[in-house]
Amino acid sequence: MVVAFVGFIGGYVNAVFGPDSLFLAGAIAASLVTWFTFLPSFLFILLGGPLVEATHGVLKFTAPLTAITAAVVGVILNLALFFGYHILWPEGFTGAFDSLSALIAAGAAIVLFRFKRNVIHVIVGCAVVGLALKTLIL
């Protein structure tokens, strides 16, 4: 979405098709940027997928893929800790703990794991609750 947004703004601001077609220029720029951003990934998946599946039982191929999977899990955990730190302590550990964000996160975890709700619905619900609380309190 960020790539599409940046492409749209670039096409819109530069008035690629003239001042009367700003939206069209932005829309086409966003489409082109998105297409060429994701095209290599789709090609790698479509062309490389059968090769990866053909090496499914070969140890010299599966061991590195297992290591890559572990590395990806580590990166995701690192990002979760990074975001958690910056959300719960916006001014660092020396600053105040954001208890409202902690309550929203705990509520989201309960709704996700206990009640098995849809992730998108939980994200939207948390955004609405957070916006309402910040608007009412500030």
Protein backbone atom coordinates (compact mmCIF):
# COMPACT_ATOMS: atom_id res chain seq x y z
CA MET A 1 0.00 0.00 0.00
CA VAL A 2 2.87 2.36 0.73
CA VAL A 3 4.39 1.70 -2.68
CA ALA A 4 1.06 2.39 -4.39
CA PHE A 5 0.61 5.57 -2.35
CA VAL A 6 4.08 6.87 -3.17
CA GLY A 7 3.56 6.04 -6.85
CA PHE A 8 0.22 7.86 -6.86
CA ILE A 9 1.68 10.95 -5.21
CA GLY A 10 4.63 10.93 -7.63
CA GLY A 11 2.37 10.76 -10.69
CA TYR A 12 -0.09 13.30 -9.27
CA VAL A 13 2.50 15.88 -8.20
CA ASN A 14 4.50 15.66 -11.42
CA ALA A 15 1.33 16.02 -13.54
CA VAL A 16 2.61 13.39 -15.98
CA PHE A 17 -0.41 13.78 -18.30
CA GLY A 18 -0.88 17.51 -17.78
CA PRO A 19 -2.73 19.56 -15.17
CA ASP A 20 -6.17 18.33 -16.27
CA SER A 21 -5.43 14.64 -15.66
CA LEU A 22 -3.85 14.62 -12.20
CA PHE A 23 -5.91 11.72 -10.85
CA LEU A 24 -5.33 9.63 -13.99
CA ALA A 25 -1.57 10.26 -13.78
CA GLY A 26 -1.56 9.26 -10.12
CA ALA A 27 -3.63 6.13 -10.72
CA ILE A 28 -1.47 4.95 -13.61
CA ALA A 29 1.74 5.68 -11.70
CA ALA A 30 0.42 3.76 -8.67
CA SER A 31 -0.54 0.82 -10.89
CA LEU A 32 2.85 0.72 -12.62
CA VAL A 33 4.82 0.99 -9.40
CA THR A 34 2.75 -1.75 -7.78
CA TRP A 35 3.03 -3.99 -10.83
CA PHE A 36 6.81 -3.72 -11.05
CA THR A 37 7.23 -4.08 -7.29
CA PHE A 38 5.38 -7.37 -7.05
CA LEU A 39 6.11 -8.86 -10.48
CA PRO A 40 9.55 -10.27 -9.51
CA SER A 41 8.09 -11.93 -6.41
CA PHE A 42 5.34 -13.60 -8.41
CA LEU A 43 7.83 -14.74 -11.03
CA PHE A 44 10.10 -16.24 -8.36
CA ILE A 45 7.16 -18.04 -6.79
CA LEU A 46 5.65 -19.30 -10.05
CA LEU A 47 8.94 -20.30 -11.65
CA GLY A 48 10.82 -21.37 -8.52
CA GLY A 49 7.96 -23.11 -6.72
CA PRO A 50 8.18 -26.36 -8.69
CA LEU A 51 11.96 -26.44 -8.14
CA VAL A 52 11.55 -26.07 -4.38
CA GLU A 53 8.88 -28.78 -4.32
CA ALA A 54 11.13 -31.12 -6.32
CA THR A 55 13.83 -30.81 -3.65
CA HIS A 56 11.43 -31.55 -0.78
CA GLY A 57 13.21 -34.64 0.52
CA VAL A 58 16.82 -33.64 -0.24
CA LEU A 59 18.65 -32.68 2.97
CA LYS A 60 21.13 -30.30 1.33
CA PHE A 61 18.17 -28.16 0.20
CA THR A 62 15.79 -28.55 3.15
CA ALA A 63 18.39 -27.70 5.83
CA PRO A 64 19.07 -24.19 4.49
CA LEU A 65 15.35 -23.60 4.01
CA THR A 66 14.78 -24.62 7.65
CA ALA A 67 17.45 -22.14 8.74
CA ILE A 68 15.86 -19.41 6.62
CA THR A 69 12.48 -20.18 8.21
CA ALA A 70 14.03 -19.86 11.68
CA ALA A 71 15.61 -16.55 10.68
CA VAL A 72 12.27 -15.23 9.44
CA VAL A 73 10.63 -16.20 12.75
CA GLY A 74 13.42 -14.34 14.55
CA VAL A 75 12.86 -11.23 12.44
CA ILE A 76 9.12 -11.33 13.16
CA LEU A 77 9.79 -11.71 16.89
CA ASN A 78 12.26 -8.83 16.78
CA LEU A 79 9.67 -6.61 15.07
CA ALA A 80 7.02 -7.59 17.62
CA LEU A 81 9.34 -6.63 20.49
CA PHE A 82 10.35 -3.40 18.74
CA PHE A 83 6.74 -2.33 18.15
CA GLY A 84 5.67 -3.46 21.62
CA TYR A 85 8.42 -1.39 23.24
CA HIS A 86 7.59 1.73 21.22
CA ILE A 87 3.83 1.38 21.79
CA LEU A 88 3.92 0.60 25.51
CA TRP A 89 6.77 3.01 26.36
CA PRO A 90 6.50 5.81 23.76
CA GLU A 91 9.10 7.94 25.57
CA GLY A 92 11.44 5.05 26.40
CA PHE A 93 11.73 3.08 29.64
CA THR A 94 12.35 6.29 31.55
CA GLY A 95 8.96 7.64 30.41
CA ALA A 96 5.45 6.65 31.38
CA PHE A 97 3.93 3.26 30.57
CA ASP A 98 0.95 3.56 28.17
CA SER A 99 -1.65 1.55 30.04
CA LEU A 100 -4.41 2.28 27.49
CA SER A 101 -2.36 0.66 24.73
CA ALA A 102 -1.62 -2.29 27.02
CA LEU A 103 -5.34 -2.72 27.74
CA ILE A 104 -6.18 -2.59 24.04
CA ALA A 105 -3.44 -5.14 23.26
CA ALA A 106 -4.62 -7.45 26.05
CA GLY A 107 -8.21 -7.15 24.83
CA ALA A 108 -7.10 -7.93 21.28
CA ALA A 109 -5.20 -11.00 22.46
CA ILE A 110 -8.25 -12.26 24.37
CA VAL A 111 -10.57 -11.69 21.42
CA LEU A 112 -8.13 -13.37 19.01
CA PHE A 113 -7.15 -16.40 21.08
CA ARG A 114 -10.17 -17.03 23.32
CA PHE A 115 -13.01 -16.08 20.99
CA LYS A 116 -11.22 -16.86 17.67
CA ARG A 117 -12.33 -13.68 15.90
CA ASN A 118 -11.15 -12.51 12.50
CA VAL A 119 -7.81 -10.65 12.61
CA ILE A 120 -8.99 -7.83 10.36
CA HIS A 121 -12.07 -7.26 12.53
CA VAL A 122 -9.89 -7.16 15.66
CA ILE A 123 -7.49 -4.65 14.05
CA VAL A 124 -10.34 -2.40 12.99
CA GLY A 125 -11.97 -2.70 16.40
CA CYS A 126 -8.72 -1.85 18.19
CA ALA A 127 -8.19 1.14 15.89
CA VAL A 128 -11.69 2.44 16.64
CA VAL A 129 -11.29 1.90 20.40
CA GLY A 130 -7.83 3.52 20.41
CA LEU A 131 -9.02 6.51 18.40
CA ALA A 132 -12.07 6.96 20.62
CA LEU A 133 -10.02 6.72 23.82
CA LYS A 134 -7.32 9.10 22.60
CA THR A 135 -9.95 11.57 21.35
CA LEU A 136 -11.93 11.49 24.59
CA ILE A 137 -8.94 11.61 26.92
CA LEU A 138 -6.78 14.14 25.05
